[in-house]
Amino acid sequence: MYSNYGPLCTELYDLTKPVGYSIGGDIEYYMDRLQGVTGKVLEAGVGSGRFYIPLIEKGFDVEGIDYSPEMLVSCRKRCHDRGLTPVLYEGNVCHFALDHQYEAIIMPAGSFCLIENYQDAISALTSMYRHLIPGGRILLDLIVPTDWKTGEITTSYFPTSEDEGISIEKKSIAMNWMEQYTLSVLKYEKWQRGTLIDTELQKFLLRWYGIEEFKLLLQSIGFSDITCSANYTFHQQPDEDSSSITFEARR
């Protein structure tokens, strides 16, 4: 019934979040925190390269992994258009096994919260830990649903050419307080001269974590030197209005 980051989702993502598009300052913040890293970097959930390509262009030895073939096709094309040679893997960030380790593994833009199952989240963090060199770091964002409104429906339209465009409708279905997730349904529709020519339906589940809960989770896997920062300002303590929190931890 539902698609996962299919062609329409990818096309709209590429249109609204081009290469180098910084979400709230995430690219600048991560660039700063990665200063001094000379070894390999892995972006988990690389998508179509919004974040990945600027890292390559800054000289980082960065690789990427994602489970969406459509997103990876887009990322490779964007790299090819810029004369770049990407190293990309198709795989699930919850259960991956690559041939080498990394000095840093990053997962920006709240992508970690897209891992629906709690045990899969633990597996993802464990896989990251195993793929870090001793002293290597993870950096990842968590999203907190501070502005959630159950029942809210929003619709947007984005022209892609003179004759075509994509509309997206987002329905905020439910918030599960006990299991700590929000559930939305996204409907993508592609229109050509007023005629609907394609559509996709996507389930969009975001899991959130308490700050102390996530620290304990990281510690249980073996991470240390754990910090969390709000608003892409290192060591700025989150408050009740903080919707994005960046965790950093070391193997």
Protein backbone atom coordinates (compact mmCIF):
# COMPACT_ATOMS: atom_id res chain seq x y z
CA MET A 1 0.00 0.00 0.00
CA TYR A 2 2.77 2.42 0.93
CA SER A 3 5.95 3.36 -0.92
CA ASN A 4 9.26 4.16 0.71
CA TYR A 5 11.09 7.09 -0.86
CA GLY A 6 9.93 6.25 -4.35
CA PRO A 7 10.40 8.24 -7.58
CA LEU A 8 7.95 11.07 -6.75
CA CYS A 9 9.29 11.47 -3.24
CA THR A 10 12.84 11.57 -4.61
CA GLU A 11 11.94 14.07 -7.33
CA LEU A 12 10.29 16.41 -4.83
CA TYR A 13 13.13 16.00 -2.33
CA ASP A 14 15.67 16.93 -5.02
CA LEU A 15 13.59 19.96 -5.97
CA THR A 16 13.04 21.31 -2.47
CA LYS A 17 16.37 20.25 -0.92
CA PRO A 18 19.08 20.74 -3.55
CA VAL A 19 22.74 19.96 -2.97
CA GLY A 20 24.10 22.16 -0.22
CA TYR A 21 20.69 23.11 1.14
CA SER A 22 21.24 23.56 4.86
CA ILE A 23 18.38 22.60 7.16
CA GLY A 24 18.57 24.97 10.09
CA GLY A 25 22.34 25.22 9.76
CA ASP A 26 23.08 21.48 9.89
CA ILE A 27 25.71 21.44 7.12
CA GLU A 28 27.69 24.29 8.65
CA TYR A 29 27.52 22.74 12.12
CA TYR A 30 28.66 19.30 11.00
CA MET A 31 31.45 20.78 8.87
CA ASP A 32 32.72 22.58 11.95
CA ARG A 33 32.50 19.50 14.19
CA LEU A 34 34.32 17.38 11.58
CA GLN A 35 37.29 19.72 11.37
CA GLY A 36 40.47 17.74 11.94
CA VAL A 37 38.99 14.48 10.66
CA THR A 38 41.37 13.03 8.09
CA GLY A 39 40.10 9.45 7.97
CA LYS A 40 37.01 8.04 6.34
CA VAL A 41 33.55 9.43 7.10
CA LEU A 42 30.30 7.52 6.53
CA GLU A 43 26.95 9.26 6.07
CA ALA A 44 24.17 6.90 7.12
CA GLY A 45 20.98 7.67 5.20
CA VAL A 46 22.84 9.56 2.49
CA GLY A 47 19.72 10.14 0.37
CA SER A 48 20.32 12.05 -2.86
CA GLY A 49 23.42 13.88 -1.70
CA ARG A 50 22.15 17.16 -0.20
CA PHE A 51 24.66 16.79 2.64
CA TYR A 52 27.08 14.25 1.16
CA ILE A 53 28.24 16.20 -1.88
CA PRO A 54 29.32 19.35 0.03
CA LEU A 55 31.46 17.11 2.25
CA ILE A 56 33.20 15.62 -0.79
CA GLU A 57 33.73 19.07 -2.25
CA LYS A 58 35.32 20.18 1.04
CA GLY A 59 37.85 17.39 0.72
CA PHE A 60 36.47 14.84 3.18
CA ASP A 61 36.95 11.15 2.37
CA VAL A 62 33.25 10.40 2.71
CA GLU A 63 31.11 7.40 1.76
CA GLY A 64 27.35 6.93 1.97
CA ILE A 65 24.78 4.22 2.62
CA ASP A 66 21.02 4.26 1.98
CA TYR A 67 18.29 1.68 1.41
CA SER A 68 16.44 3.68 -1.30
CA PRO A 69 17.60 2.77 -4.84
CA GLU A 70 15.87 5.87 -6.22
CA MET A 71 17.73 8.17 -3.84
CA LEU A 72 21.06 6.55 -4.66
CA VAL A 73 20.45 6.88 -8.40
CA SER A 74 19.81 10.58 -7.88
CA CYS A 75 22.92 10.94 -5.71
CA ARG A 76 25.12 9.25 -8.31
CA LYS A 77 23.73 11.49 -11.07
CA ARG A 78 24.32 14.63 -9.02
CA CYS A 79 27.89 13.51 -8.34
CA HIS A 80 28.48 12.67 -12.01
CA ASP A 81 27.20 16.12 -13.04
CA ARG A 82 29.86 17.64 -10.77
CA GLY A 83 32.67 15.37 -11.89
CA LEU A 84 32.74 13.55 -8.56
CA THR A 85 33.22 9.83 -7.98
CA PRO A 86 31.02 8.73 -5.07
CA VAL A 87 31.40 5.63 -2.92
CA LEU A 88 27.83 4.58 -2.14
CA TYR A 89 26.28 1.44 -0.72
CA GLU A 90 22.70 0.23 -0.95
CA GLY A 91 21.81 -1.20 2.42
CA ASN A 92 19.86 -0.91 5.64
CA VAL A 93 21.54 1.30 8.24
CA CYS A 94 20.10 -0.98 10.94
CA HIS A 95 22.05 -4.02 9.78
CA PHE A 96 25.09 -3.16 7.68
CA ALA A 97 28.52 -4.73 7.39
CA LEU A 98 31.14 -2.88 5.36
CA ASP A 99 34.75 -3.82 4.82
CA HIS A 100 36.38 -1.01 6.78
CA GLN A 101 35.98 1.33 9.73
CA TYR A 102 35.47 5.07 9.90
CA GLU A 103 36.78 8.00 11.89
CA ALA A 104 33.28 9.48 11.95
CA ILE A 105 29.76 8.31 11.14
CA ILE A 106 27.11 10.97 10.69
CA MET A 107 23.33 10.90 10.39
CA PRO A 108 21.98 14.46 10.08
CA ALA A 109 18.48 15.90 9.60
CA GLY A 110 16.77 13.58 12.07
CA SER A 111 17.10 10.55 9.79
CA PHE A 112 17.75 8.33 12.80
CA CYS A 113 14.18 9.00 13.96
CA LEU A 114 12.90 7.29 10.80
CA ILE A 115 13.98 3.94 12.24
CA GLU A 116 10.56 2.70 13.30
CA ASN A 117 11.42 -0.25 15.52
CA TYR A 118 13.24 0.33 18.82
CA GLN A 119 15.30 -2.85 18.47
CA ASP A 120 16.32 -1.76 14.97
CA ALA A 121 17.48 1.54 16.45
CA ILE A 122 19.69 -0.37 18.88
CA SER A 123 21.02 -2.49 16.00
CA ALA A 124 21.80 0.65 13.98
CA LEU A 125 23.78 2.21 16.83
CA THR A 126 25.58 -1.09 17.43
CA SER A 127 26.49 -1.34 13.74
CA MET A 128 27.81 2.21 13.82
CA TYR A 129 29.86 1.46 16.93
CA ARG A 130 31.44 -1.58 15.29
CA HIS A 131 32.30 0.44 12.18
CA LEU A 132 34.16 3.16 14.09
CA ILE A 133 37.89 3.12 14.70
CA PRO A 134 38.87 3.38 18.38
CA GLY A 135 38.27 7.01 19.31
CA GLY A 136 35.97 7.51 16.32
CA ARG A 137 32.76 9.51 16.71
CA ILE A 138 29.11 9.41 15.74
CA LEU A 139 27.17 12.61 15.17
CA LEU A 140 23.42 12.40 14.68
CA ASP A 141 20.31 14.52 15.03
CA LEU A 142 17.14 13.63 16.89
CA ILE A 143 13.81 15.34 16.20
CA VAL A 144 11.40 16.15 19.00
CA PRO A 145 7.75 16.74 17.92
CA THR A 146 7.32 20.07 19.72
CA ASP A 147 4.87 21.44 17.11
CA TRP A 148 2.80 18.28 16.53
CA LYS A 149 -0.96 18.72 15.93
CA THR A 150 -2.98 15.54 15.53
CA GLY A 151 -5.47 15.84 12.66
CA GLU A 152 -3.63 18.66 10.92
CA ILE A 153 -3.65 18.52 7.10
CA THR A 154 -1.31 20.60 4.97
CA THR A 155 -1.04 20.73 1.19
CA SER A 156 1.70 22.22 -0.97
CA TYR A 157 2.28 22.37 -4.73
CA PHE A 158 5.64 22.61 -6.50
CA PRO A 159 5.92 23.23 -10.26
CA THR A 160 8.59 21.09 -11.92
CA SER A 161 8.19 22.51 -15.44
CA GLU A 162 5.82 24.76 -17.37
CA ASP A 163 3.33 21.90 -17.75
CA GLU A 164 3.98 19.70 -14.72
CA GLY A 165 4.11 19.86 -10.96
CA ILE A 166 3.97 17.77 -7.80
CA SER A 167 1.56 18.27 -4.93
CA ILE A 168 2.08 16.84 -1.46
CA GLU A 169 -0.57 16.39 1.19
CA LYS A 170 0.50 15.61 4.75
CA LYS A 171 -1.98 14.23 7.28
CA SER A 172 -0.91 14.12 10.92
CA ILE A 173 -2.60 10.88 11.95
CA ALA A 174 -1.61 10.10 15.52
CA MET A 175 0.87 10.56 18.34
CA ASN A 176 1.63 7.48 20.42
CA TRP A 177 2.88 8.72 23.78
CA MET A 178 3.64 5.29 25.21
CA GLU A 179 5.70 4.06 22.26
CA GLN A 180 7.06 7.55 21.49
CA TYR A 181 6.28 8.07 17.84
CA THR A 182 4.21 10.26 15.55
CA LEU A 183 2.50 8.90 12.44
CA SER A 184 1.77 10.89 9.31
CA VAL A 185 0.67 9.88 5.83
CA LEU A 186 2.13 11.70 2.84
CA LYS A 187 0.39 11.66 -0.53
CA TYR A 188 2.41 12.74 -3.57
CA GLU A 189 0.60 13.51 -6.83
CA LYS A 190 2.17 14.44 -10.14
CA TRP A 191 0.09 16.60 -12.45
CA GLN A 192 0.46 17.38 -16.14
CA ARG A 193 -1.75 20.08 -17.65
CA GLY A 194 -4.37 19.48 -14.97
CA THR A 195 -4.34 15.68 -15.31
CA LEU A 196 -3.12 13.38 -12.57
CA ILE A 197 -0.41 11.13 -14.07
CA ASP A 198 1.20 9.50 -11.03
CA THR A 199 0.74 9.16 -7.29
CA GLU A 200 2.54 7.73 -4.25
CA LEU A 201 1.41 7.15 -0.69
CA GLN A 202 4.02 7.12 2.05
CA LYS A 203 3.74 6.22 5.72
CA PHE A 204 5.93 8.60 7.71
CA LEU A 205 6.67 7.46 11.25
CA LEU A 206 9.04 9.46 13.45
CA ARG A 207 10.25 8.05 16.77
CA TRP A 208 11.49 10.40 19.46
CA TYR A 209 13.70 9.88 22.50
CA GLY A 210 14.22 11.61 25.81
CA ILE A 211 17.67 13.12 26.31
CA GLU A 212 18.65 10.95 29.29
CA GLU A 213 17.06 7.92 27.64
CA PHE A 214 19.23 8.32 24.56
CA LYS A 215 22.37 8.93 26.60
CA LEU A 216 21.76 5.69 28.49
CA LEU A 217 21.14 3.88 25.21
CA LEU A 218 24.46 5.09 23.82
CA GLN A 219 26.27 4.15 27.04
CA SER A 220 24.77 0.65 26.99
CA ILE A 221 26.32 0.05 23.57
CA GLY A 222 29.72 1.29 24.72
CA PHE A 223 29.84 4.93 23.63
CA SER A 224 31.44 7.55 25.87
CA ASP A 225 32.14 11.33 25.88
CA ILE A 226 28.47 11.89 25.05
CA THR A 227 27.28 15.45 24.39
CA CYS A 228 23.99 16.87 23.15
CA SER A 229 23.54 20.30 21.60
CA ALA A 230 20.45 22.26 20.57
CA ASN A 231 19.97 24.56 17.58
CA TYR A 232 23.28 23.52 16.01
CA THR A 233 25.24 25.32 18.70
CA PHE A 234 27.77 23.04 20.38
CA HIS A 235 27.00 22.43 24.06
CA GLN A 236 23.86 24.61 23.99
CA GLN A 237 21.52 22.85 26.38
CA PRO A 238 18.14 21.81 24.92
CA ASP A 239 14.98 23.27 26.43
CA GLU A 240 11.28 22.51 26.05
CA ASP A 241 11.16 24.35 22.72
CA SER A 242 14.12 22.53 21.15
CA SER A 243 12.87 20.52 18.18
CA SER A 244 16.28 19.28 17.00
CA ILE A 245 19.07 17.92 19.19
CA THR A 246 22.47 16.79 17.95
CA PHE A 247 24.20 13.98 19.85
CA GLU A 248 27.89 13.29 19.61
CA ALA A 249 29.61 10.27 21.14
CA ARG A 250 32.92 8.46 20.91
CA ARG A 251 33.88 4.81 20.65
